[in-house]
C-alpha atoms as a PDB file:
ATOM      1  CA  UNK A   1      76.232  90.774 125.929  1.00  0.00           C
ATOM      2  CA  UNK A   2      78.547  88.967 128.332  1.00  0.00           C
ATOM      3  CA  UNK A   3      80.951  86.417 126.904  1.00  0.00           C
ATOM      4  CA  UNK A   4      79.878  82.994 128.220  1.00  0.00           C
ATOM      5  CA  UNK A   5      83.331  81.756 129.213  1.00  0.00           C
ATOM      6  CA  UNK A   6      85.551  83.334 131.840  1.00  0.00           C
ATOM      7  CA  UNK A   7      88.690  81.237 131.264  1.00  0.00           C
ATOM      8  CA  UNK A   8      91.202  80.934 128.439  1.00  0.00           C
ATOM      9  CA  UNK A   9      89.677  80.595 124.992  1.00  0.00           C
ATOM     10  CA  UNK A  10      92.176  78.085 123.630  1.00  0.00           C
ATOM     11  CA  UNK A  11      90.152  75.752 121.435  1.00  0.00           C
ATOM     12  CA  UNK A  12      90.635  76.517 117.746  1.00  0.00           C
ATOM     13  CA  UNK A  13      87.174  75.422 116.694  1.00  0.00           C
ATOM     14  CA  UNK A  14      85.556  77.391 119.482  1.00  0.00           C
ATOM     15  CA  UNK A  15      87.504  80.492 118.465  1.00  0.00           C
ATOM     16  CA  UNK A  16      86.585  79.993 114.807  1.00  0.00           C
ATOM     17  CA  UNK A  17      82.893  79.661 115.691  1.00  0.00           C
ATOM     18  CA  UNK A  18      83.059  82.798 117.831  1.00  0.00           C
ATOM     19  CA  UNK A  19      84.754  84.840 115.093  1.00  0.00           C
ATOM     20  CA  UNK A  20      82.281  83.593 112.501  1.00  0.00           C
ATOM     21  CA  UNK A  21      79.293  84.571 114.638  1.00  0.00           C
ATOM     22  CA  UNK A  22      80.741  87.958 115.562  1.00  0.00           C
ATOM     23  CA  UNK A  23      81.422  88.706 111.898  1.00  0.00           C
ATOM     24  CA  UNK A  24      77.933  87.638 110.885  1.00  0.00           C
ATOM     25  CA  UNK A  25      76.280  89.723 113.606  1.00  0.00           C
ATOM     26  CA  UNK A  26      78.697  92.689 113.200  1.00  0.00           C
ATOM     27  CA  UNK A  27      79.880  92.444 116.794  1.00  0.00           C
ATOM     28  CA  UNK A  28      83.309  92.706 118.418  1.00  0.00           C
ATOM     29  CA  UNK A  29      84.674  91.586 121.761  1.00  0.00           C
ATOM     30  CA  UNK A  30      85.487  94.147 124.411  1.00  0.00           C
ATOM     31  CA  UNK A  31      86.938  91.989 127.135  1.00  0.00           C
ATOM     32  CA  UNK A  32      84.334  89.314 127.830  1.00  0.00           C
ATOM     33  CA  UNK A  33      81.572  91.570 126.519  1.00  0.00           C
ATOM     34  CA  UNK A  34      80.346  91.701 122.947  1.00  0.00           C
ATOM     35  CA  UNK A  35      79.616  95.165 121.579  1.00  0.00           C
ATOM     36  CA  UNK A  36      78.582  96.566 118.176  1.00  0.00           C
ATOM     37  CA  UNK A  37      81.540  96.385 115.834  1.00  0.00           C
ATOM     38  CA  UNK A  38      81.440 100.075 114.961  1.00  0.00           C
ATOM     39  CA  UNK A  39      81.417 101.091 118.638  1.00  0.00           C
ATOM     40  CA  UNK A  40      84.434  99.151 119.914  1.00  0.00           C
ATOM     41  CA  UNK A  41      86.927 101.892 119.134  1.00  0.00           C
ATOM     42  CA  UNK A  42      84.973 104.248 121.415  1.00  0.00           C
ATOM     43  CA  UNK A  43      85.099 101.709 124.256  1.00  0.00           C
ATOM     44  CA  UNK A  44      88.842 101.332 123.795  1.00  0.00           C
ATOM     45  CA  UNK A  45      89.365 105.096 123.649  1.00  0.00           C
ATOM     46  CA  UNK A  46      87.429 105.625 126.893  1.00  0.00           C
ATOM     47  CA  UNK A  47      89.370 102.795 128.524  1.00  0.00           C
ATOM     48  CA  UNK A  48      92.764 104.351 127.775  1.00  0.00           C
ATOM     49  CA  UNK A  49      91.568 107.886 128.518  1.00  0.00           C
ATOM     50  CA  UNK A  50      90.770 106.679 132.039  1.00  0.00           C
ATOM     51  CA  UNK A  51      94.256 105.280 132.687  1.00  0.00           C
ATOM     52  CA  UNK A  52      96.549 107.452 130.534  1.00  0.00           C
ATOM     53  CA  UNK A  53      98.032 109.551 133.353  1.00  0.00           C
ATOM     54  CA  UNK A  54      99.017 106.546 135.473  1.00  0.00           C
ATOM     55  CA  UNK A  55      99.520 104.005 132.673  1.00  0.00           C
ATOM     56  CA  UNK A  56     103.305 103.648 133.032  1.00  0.00           C
ATOM     57  CA  UNK A  57     103.188 103.511 136.827  1.00  0.00           C
ATOM     58  CA  UNK A  58     100.504 100.816 136.773  1.00  0.00           C
ATOM     59  CA  UNK A  59     102.416  98.761 134.205  1.00  0.00           C
ATOM     60  CA  UNK A  60     105.480  98.818 136.439  1.00  0.00           C
ATOM     61  CA  UNK A  61     103.558  97.932 139.581  1.00  0.00           C
ATOM     62  CA  UNK A  62     101.420  95.194 138.028  1.00  0.00           C
ATOM     63  CA  UNK A  63     104.345  93.521 136.239  1.00  0.00           C
ATOM     64  CA  UNK A  64     106.830  94.085 139.095  1.00  0.00           C
ATOM     65  CA  UNK A  65     108.948  95.965 136.552  1.00  0.00           C
ATOM     66  CA  UNK A  66     109.368  92.928 134.289  1.00  0.00           C
ATOM     67  CA  UNK A  67     107.685  94.680 131.353  1.00  0.00           C
ATOM     68  CA  UNK A  68     110.875  96.709 130.857  1.00  0.00           C
ATOM     69  CA  UNK A  69     112.850  93.475 130.368  1.00  0.00           C
ATOM     70  CA  UNK A  70     110.244  92.197 127.888  1.00  0.00           C
ATOM     71  CA  UNK A  71     110.419  95.416 125.870  1.00  0.00           C
ATOM     72  CA  UNK A  72     114.215  95.421 125.764  1.00  0.00           C
ATOM     73  CA  UNK A  73     114.197  91.810 124.578  1.00  0.00           C
ATOM     74  CA  UNK A  74     111.601  92.683 121.931  1.00  0.00           C
ATOM     75  CA  UNK A  75     113.659  95.567 120.560  1.00  0.00           C
ATOM     76  CA  UNK A  76     116.810  93.413 120.468  1.00  0.00           C
ATOM     77  CA  UNK A  77     114.940  90.767 118.500  1.00  0.00           C
ATOM     78  CA  UNK A  78     113.943  93.347 115.865  1.00  0.00           C
ATOM     79  CA  UNK A  79     117.655  93.923 115.062  1.00  0.00           C
ATOM     80  CA  UNK A  80     117.312  97.587 114.227  1.00  0.00           C
ATOM     81  CA  UNK A  81     120.154  99.338 112.447  1.00  0.00           C
ATOM     82  CA  UNK A  82     121.382 102.946 112.510  1.00  0.00           C
ATOM     83  CA  UNK A  83     119.397 104.938 109.971  1.00  0.00           C
ATOM     84  CA  UNK A  84     116.305 102.710 110.043  1.00  0.00           C
ATOM     85  CA  UNK A  85     112.854 104.262 109.801  1.00  0.00           C
ATOM     86  CA  UNK A  86     110.701 102.608 112.482  1.00  0.00           C
ATOM     87  CA  UNK A  87     106.942 102.790 113.038  1.00  0.00           C
ATOM     88  CA  UNK A  88     105.665 102.057 116.555  1.00  0.00           C
ATOM     89  CA  UNK A  89     101.951 101.334 116.141  1.00  0.00           C
ATOM     90  CA  UNK A  90      99.619 101.477 119.159  1.00  0.00           C
ATOM     91  CA  UNK A  91     102.697 103.073 120.683  1.00  0.00           C
ATOM     92  CA  UNK A  92     100.986 104.478 123.769  1.00  0.00           C
ATOM     93  CA  UNK A  93     103.328 106.391 126.051  1.00  0.00           C
ATOM     94  CA  UNK A  94     106.409 105.460 124.040  1.00  0.00           C
ATOM     95  CA  UNK A  95     108.463 102.839 125.904  1.00  0.00           C
ATOM     96  CA  UNK A  96     109.243 100.868 122.743  1.00  0.00           C
ATOM     97  CA  UNK A  97     109.732 104.003 120.653  1.00  0.00           C
ATOM     98  CA  UNK A  98     112.355 105.302 123.094  1.00  0.00           C
ATOM     99  CA  UNK A  99     114.269 102.021 122.977  1.00  0.00           C
ATOM    100  CA  UNK A 100     114.053 101.964 119.178  1.00  0.00           C
ATOM    101  CA  UNK A 101     115.324 105.540 118.939  1.00  0.00           C
ATOM    102  CA  UNK A 102     118.415 104.495 120.839  1.00  0.00           C
ATOM    103  CA  UNK A 103     119.074 101.802 118.236  1.00  0.00           C
ATOM    104  CA  UNK A 104     118.521 103.808 115.038  1.00  0.00           C
ATOM    105  CA  UNK A 105     120.471 106.851 116.231  1.00  0.00           C
ATOM    106  CA  UNK A 106     120.450 110.396 114.891  1.00  0.00           C
ATOM    107  CA  UNK A 107     120.344 109.189 111.286  1.00  0.00           C
ATOM    108  CA  UNK A 108     117.231 107.102 111.894  1.00  0.00           C
ATOM    109  CA  UNK A 109     113.599 108.019 112.463  1.00  0.00           C
ATOM    110  CA  UNK A 110     111.018 106.708 114.934  1.00  0.00           C
ATOM    111  CA  UNK A 111     107.314 107.459 114.506  1.00  0.00           C
ATOM    112  CA  UNK A 112     104.863 106.726 117.312  1.00  0.00           C
ATOM    113  CA  UNK A 113     101.349 106.076 115.988  1.00  0.00           C
ATOM    114  CA  UNK A 114      98.375 105.661 118.322  1.00  0.00           C
ATOM    115  CA  UNK A 115      94.636 106.193 118.164  1.00  0.00           C
ATOM    116  CA  UNK A 116      94.463 107.739 121.635  1.00  0.00           C
ATOM    117  CA  UNK A 117      95.585 111.352 121.983  1.00  0.00           C
ATOM    118  CA  UNK A 118      95.620 111.242 125.793  1.00  0.00           C
ATOM    119  CA  UNK A 119      98.080 108.354 125.748  1.00  0.00           C
ATOM    120  CA  UNK A 120     100.335 110.143 123.261  1.00  0.00           C
ATOM    121  CA  UNK A 121     100.354 113.321 125.377  1.00  0.00           C
ATOM    122  CA  UNK A 122     100.924 111.382 128.614  1.00  0.00           C
ATOM    123  CA  UNK A 123     104.118 109.977 127.137  1.00  0.00           C
ATOM    124  CA  UNK A 124     105.265 112.965 125.123  1.00  0.00           C
ATOM    125  CA  UNK A 125     105.231 115.299 128.128  1.00  0.00           C
ATOM    126  CA  UNK A 126     107.128 113.058 130.545  1.00  0.00           C
ATOM    127  CA  UNK A 127     110.461 114.445 131.692  1.00  0.00           C
ATOM    128  CA  UNK A 128     112.401 111.177 131.643  1.00  0.00           C
ATOM    129  CA  UNK A 129     114.195 110.579 128.327  1.00  0.00           C
ATOM    130  CA  UNK A 130     112.976 114.026 127.292  1.00  0.00           C
ATOM    131  CA  UNK A 131     115.630 114.532 124.615  1.00  0.00           C
ATOM    132  CA  UNK A 132     114.728 111.239 122.943  1.00  0.00           C
ATOM    133  CA  UNK A 133     110.988 111.906 123.276  1.00  0.00           C
ATOM    134  CA  UNK A 134     111.489 115.197 121.431  1.00  0.00           C
ATOM    135  CA  UNK A 135     113.162 113.356 118.547  1.00  0.00           C
ATOM    136  CA  UNK A 136     110.232 110.955 118.115  1.00  0.00           C
ATOM    137  CA  UNK A 137     107.452 111.929 115.724  1.00  0.00           C
ATOM    138  CA  UNK A 138     103.886 111.535 117.003  1.00  0.00           C
ATOM    139  CA  UNK A 139     100.853 110.806 114.841  1.00  0.00           C
ATOM    140  CA  UNK A 140      97.314 110.050 115.971  1.00  0.00           C
ATOM    141  CA  UNK A 141      95.540 107.461 113.855  1.00  0.00           C
ATOM    142  CA  UNK A 142      93.880 104.078 113.516  1.00  0.00           C
ATOM    143  CA  UNK A 143      95.986 100.985 112.830  1.00  0.00           C
ATOM    144  CA  UNK A 144      93.275  99.600 110.528  1.00  0.00           C
ATOM    145  CA  UNK A 145      93.616 102.539 108.112  1.00  0.00           C
ATOM    146  CA  UNK A 146      97.109 103.909 108.512  1.00  0.00           C
ATOM    147  CA  UNK A 147      98.090 107.147 106.812  1.00  0.00           C
ATOM    148  CA  UNK A 148     101.403 105.857 105.465  1.00  0.00           C
ATOM    149  CA  UNK A 149     102.450 104.962 101.905  1.00  0.00           C
ATOM    150  CA  UNK A 150     103.156 101.384 100.870  1.00  0.00           C
ATOM    151  CA  UNK A 151     106.702 100.124 101.437  1.00  0.00           C
ATOM    152  CA  UNK A 152     107.716 103.178 103.470  1.00  0.00           C
ATOM    153  CA  UNK A 153     109.318 101.915 106.724  1.00  0.00           C
ATOM    154  CA  UNK A 154     112.159  99.550 107.567  1.00  0.00           C
ATOM    155  CA  UNK A 155     110.531  98.090 110.674  1.00  0.00           C
ATOM    156  CA  UNK A 156     107.150  98.104 112.393  1.00  0.00           C
ATOM    157  CA  UNK A 157     106.308  97.127 115.932  1.00  0.00           C
ATOM    158  CA  UNK A 158     103.226  96.879 118.079  1.00  0.00           C
ATOM    159  CA  UNK A 159     103.473  96.313 121.817  1.00  0.00           C
ATOM    160  CA  UNK A 160     100.539  95.193 123.944  1.00  0.00           C
ATOM    161  CA  UNK A 161      98.051  96.910 121.660  1.00  0.00           C
ATOM    162  CA  UNK A 162      96.946  94.642 118.837  1.00  0.00           C
ATOM    163  CA  UNK A 163      94.493  92.694 121.008  1.00  0.00           C
ATOM    164  CA  UNK A 164      92.434  95.891 121.445  1.00  0.00           C
ATOM    165  CA  UNK A 165      92.026  96.400 117.697  1.00  0.00           C
ATOM    166  CA  UNK A 166      88.538  95.743 116.333  1.00  0.00           C
ATOM    167  CA  UNK A 167      89.778  93.789 113.291  1.00  0.00           C
ATOM    168  CA  UNK A 168      93.175  92.398 114.217  1.00  0.00           C
ATOM    169  CA  UNK A 169      93.781  90.899 110.778  1.00  0.00           C
ATOM    170  CA  UNK A 170      93.272  94.318 109.149  1.00  0.00           C
ATOM    171  CA  UNK A 171      95.786  95.802 111.547  1.00  0.00           C
ATOM    172  CA  UNK A 172      98.436  93.232 110.660  1.00  0.00           C
ATOM    173  CA  UNK A 173      97.706  93.687 106.948  1.00  0.00           C
ATOM    174  CA  UNK A 174      98.378  97.394 107.355  1.00  0.00           C
ATOM    175  CA  UNK A 175     101.669  96.656 109.105  1.00  0.00           C
ATOM    176  CA  UNK A 176     102.590  94.409 106.180  1.00  0.00           C
ATOM    177  CA  UNK A 177     101.563  97.050 103.629  1.00  0.00           C
ATOM    178  CA  UNK A 178     103.699  99.877 105.011  1.00  0.00           C
ATOM    179  CA  UNK A 179     106.798  97.710 105.433  1.00  0.00           C
ATOM    180  CA  UNK A 180     109.500  97.846 102.792  1.00  0.00           C
ATOM    181  CA  UNK A 181     110.358  94.501 101.172  1.00  0.00           C
ATOM    182  CA  UNK A 182     112.772  92.838 103.562  1.00  0.00           C
ATOM    183  CA  UNK A 183     111.371  94.911 106.441  1.00  0.00           C
ATOM    184  CA  UNK A 184     110.812  93.422 109.867  1.00  0.00           C
ATOM    185  CA  UNK A 185     107.680  93.251 112.023  1.00  0.00           C
ATOM    186  CA  UNK A 186     107.614  92.682 115.773  1.00  0.00           C
ATOM    187  CA  UNK A 187     104.533  92.154 117.917  1.00  0.00           C
ATOM    188  CA  UNK A 188     104.903  91.933 121.700  1.00  0.00           C
ATOM    189  CA  UNK A 189     101.724  90.690 123.315  1.00  0.00           C
ATOM    190  CA  UNK A 190     100.401  88.916 126.390  1.00  0.00           C
ATOM    191  CA  UNK A 191      99.575  85.220 126.196  1.00  0.00           C
ATOM    192  CA  UNK A 192      98.769  82.076 128.162  1.00  0.00           C
ATOM    193  CA  UNK A 193     101.317  80.868 130.735  1.00  0.00           C
ATOM    194  CA  UNK A 194     102.678  77.416 129.971  1.00  0.00           C
ATOM    195  CA  UNK A 195     102.713  75.888 133.461  1.00  0.00           C
ATOM    196  CA  UNK A 196      99.235  74.973 134.826  1.00  0.00           C
ATOM    197  CA  UNK A 197     100.250  75.962 138.366  1.00  0.00           C
ATOM    198  CA  UNK A 198     101.713  79.272 137.244  1.00  0.00           C
ATOM    199  CA  UNK A 199      98.635  79.849 135.069  1.00  0.00           C
ATOM    200  CA  UNK A 200      96.339  79.331 138.086  1.00  0.00           C
ATOM    201  CA  UNK A 201      98.353  81.814 140.136  1.00  0.00           C
ATOM    202  CA  UNK A 202      98.298  84.241 137.214  1.00  0.00           C
ATOM    203  CA  UNK A 203      94.504  83.934 136.927  1.00  0.00           C
ATOM    204  CA  UNK A 204      94.063  84.633 140.642  1.00  0.00           C
ATOM    205  CA  UNK A 205      96.349  87.655 140.416  1.00  0.00           C
ATOM    206  CA  UNK A 206      94.685  88.923 137.227  1.00  0.00           C
ATOM    207  CA  UNK A 207      91.075  88.762 138.355  1.00  0.00           C
ATOM    208  CA  UNK A 208      91.422  89.645 142.035  1.00  0.00           C
ATOM    209  CA  UNK A 209      94.616  91.577 142.774  1.00  0.00           C
ATOM    210  CA  UNK A 210      94.905  93.608 139.562  1.00  0.00           C
ATOM    211  CA  UNK A 211      91.383  95.123 139.695  1.00  0.00           C
ATOM    212  CA  UNK A 212      91.890  95.982 143.364  1.00  0.00           C
ATOM    213  CA  UNK A 213      95.178  97.746 142.593  1.00  0.00           C
ATOM    214  CA  UNK A 214      93.539  99.441 139.619  1.00  0.00           C
ATOM    215  CA  UNK A 215      90.893 100.926 141.887  1.00  0.00           C
ATOM    216  CA  UNK A 216      93.378 101.836 144.617  1.00  0.00           C
ATOM    217  CA  UNK A 217      96.025 103.511 142.435  1.00  0.00           C
ATOM    218  CA  UNK A 218      94.366 104.435 139.137  1.00  0.00           C
ATOM    219  CA  UNK A 219      90.819 104.917 140.423  1.00  0.00           C
ATOM    220  CA  UNK A 220      89.479 102.500 137.794  1.00  0.00           C
ATOM    221  CA  UNK A 221      88.605  98.939 138.701  1.00  0.00           C
ATOM    222  CA  UNK A 222      86.836  98.291 135.388  1.00  0.00           C
ATOM    223  CA  UNK A 223      89.922  99.165 133.294  1.00  0.00           C
ATOM    224  CA  UNK A 224      91.908  96.478 135.067  1.00  0.00           C
ATOM    225  CA  UNK A 225      89.141  93.920 134.749  1.00  0.00           C
ATOM    226  CA  UNK A 226      89.092  94.566 131.020  1.00  0.00           C
ATOM    227  CA  UNK A 227      92.853  93.984 130.717  1.00  0.00           C
ATOM    228  CA  UNK A 228      92.958  90.290 131.760  1.00  0.00           C
ATOM    229  CA  UNK A 229      89.774  89.572 129.823  1.00  0.00           C
ATOM    230  CA  UNK A 230      91.288  90.745 126.527  1.00  0.00           C
ATOM    231  CA  UNK A 231      94.357  88.594 127.141  1.00  0.00           C
ATOM    232  CA  UNK A 232      92.281  85.450 127.575  1.00  0.00           C
ATOM    233  CA  UNK A 233      90.509  85.926 124.255  1.00  0.00           C
ATOM    234  CA  UNK A 234      93.701  86.614 122.296  1.00  0.00           C
ATOM    235  CA  UNK A 235      94.979  83.924 119.878  1.00  0.00           C
ATOM    236  CA  UNK A 236      97.648  81.587 121.206  1.00  0.00           C
ATOM    237  CA  UNK A 237     101.161  81.975 119.728  1.00  0.00           C
ATOM    238  CA  UNK A 238     100.883  79.217 117.114  1.00  0.00           C
ATOM    239  CA  UNK A 239      97.523  80.567 115.947  1.00  0.00           C
ATOM    240  CA  UNK A 240      98.900  84.085 115.614  1.00  0.00           C
ATOM    241  CA  UNK A 241     101.893  82.718 113.691  1.00  0.00           C
ATOM    242  CA  UNK A 242      99.498  81.099 111.198  1.00  0.00           C
ATOM    243  CA  UNK A 243      97.622  84.388 110.808  1.00  0.00           C
ATOM    244  CA  UNK A 244     100.857  86.260 110.087  1.00  0.00           C
ATOM    245  CA  UNK A 245     101.943  83.643 107.536  1.00  0.00           C
ATOM    246  CA  UNK A 246      98.524  83.871 105.876  1.00  0.00           C
ATOM    247  CA  UNK A 247      98.964  87.631 105.478  1.00  0.00           C
ATOM    248  CA  UNK A 248     102.279  87.075 103.732  1.00  0.00           C
ATOM    249  CA  UNK A 249     104.997  87.371 106.365  1.00  0.00           C
ATOM    250  CA  UNK A 250     107.875  84.920 106.086  1.00  0.00           C
ATOM    251  CA  UNK A 251     110.353  83.667 108.702  1.00  0.00           C
ATOM    252  CA  UNK A 252     107.551  83.927 111.270  1.00  0.00           C
ATOM    253  CA  UNK A 253     108.600  82.938 114.775  1.00  0.00           C
ATOM    254  CA  UNK A 254     107.642  83.508 118.383  1.00  0.00           C
ATOM    255  CA  UNK A 255     109.490  83.489 121.688  1.00  0.00           C
ATOM    256  CA  UNK A 256     107.772  83.044 125.031  1.00  0.00           C
ATOM    257  CA  UNK A 257     108.875  85.205 127.969  1.00  0.00           C
ATOM    258  CA  UNK A 258     108.346  84.576 131.696  1.00  0.00           C
ATOM    259  CA  UNK A 259     106.627  81.204 131.269  1.00  0.00           C
ATOM    260  CA  UNK A 260     104.586  82.527 128.365  1.00  0.00           C
ATOM    261  CA  UNK A 261     102.958  85.553 130.036  1.00  0.00           C
ATOM    262  CA  UNK A 262     104.341  87.615 127.153  1.00  0.00           C
ATOM    263  CA  UNK A 263     105.363  86.529 123.660  1.00  0.00           C
ATOM    264  CA  UNK A 264     107.534  88.178 121.018  1.00  0.00           C
ATOM    265  CA  UNK A 265     106.227  87.504 117.488  1.00  0.00           C
ATOM    266  CA  UNK A 266     108.468  88.229 114.510  1.00  0.00           C
ATOM    267  CA  UNK A 267     107.959  88.259 110.750  1.00  0.00           C
ATOM    268  CA  UNK A 268     109.642  89.568 107.593  1.00  0.00           C
ATOM    269  CA  UNK A 269     108.065  91.006 104.448  1.00  0.00           C
ATOM    270  CA  UNK A 270     109.463  89.073 101.448  1.00  0.00           C
ATOM    271  CA  UNK A 271     111.761  90.954  99.097  1.00  0.00           C
END
């Protein structure tokens, strides 16, 4: 079923009605489409299988390289310390994990956790930062049912992945569960640009240029139609902050980057 609206879903009541109906009918959104809840993970897996080999290249091209600045800012905001144990959930090809490893040093530990094996292998086998990649631990698994004990990591992070999770609230609850008291959570995710003019330009780029480049370079137009659709259904920063506070995080904050295209969300598990 095709989602009836092809612009930003930014009305709270409309979002609440959508979530209520999807829950009642056991459906989930996959971009603007609605699919059976228990099948979404297969759609997501196929999506990332199709782009794994060129994922990093496409990110750099489509963002004009700005995604590296966003990720560095996100890691700085997490305030990692030498010796920290860090879990990078939905870690993909490992950009955030590599940056985190540089912060925690030889005495620390970084674990990359992702549901998609092809994405893990695409990152793990790259030659750049090979020494750091070999220090990172890699685990395949689902964010909604993570195979980690309670209170076991100093910091958790999820970059550009939570919006693809079938039950986002369950994913954040798992992040909260595995964090030690006093531990820090960081979520880096796309969002709605603040300026109306910039937002219009962004929409034109997202729905016309990005799919064309996806077909030309990655051989997958559909994967890069799905990407902007998921962004437009994702909660706005203040809504996500309320969700995180409802789960139990304290000191919740968010910082917009590049006119709000990306947002860093932070929270702390109470001691």
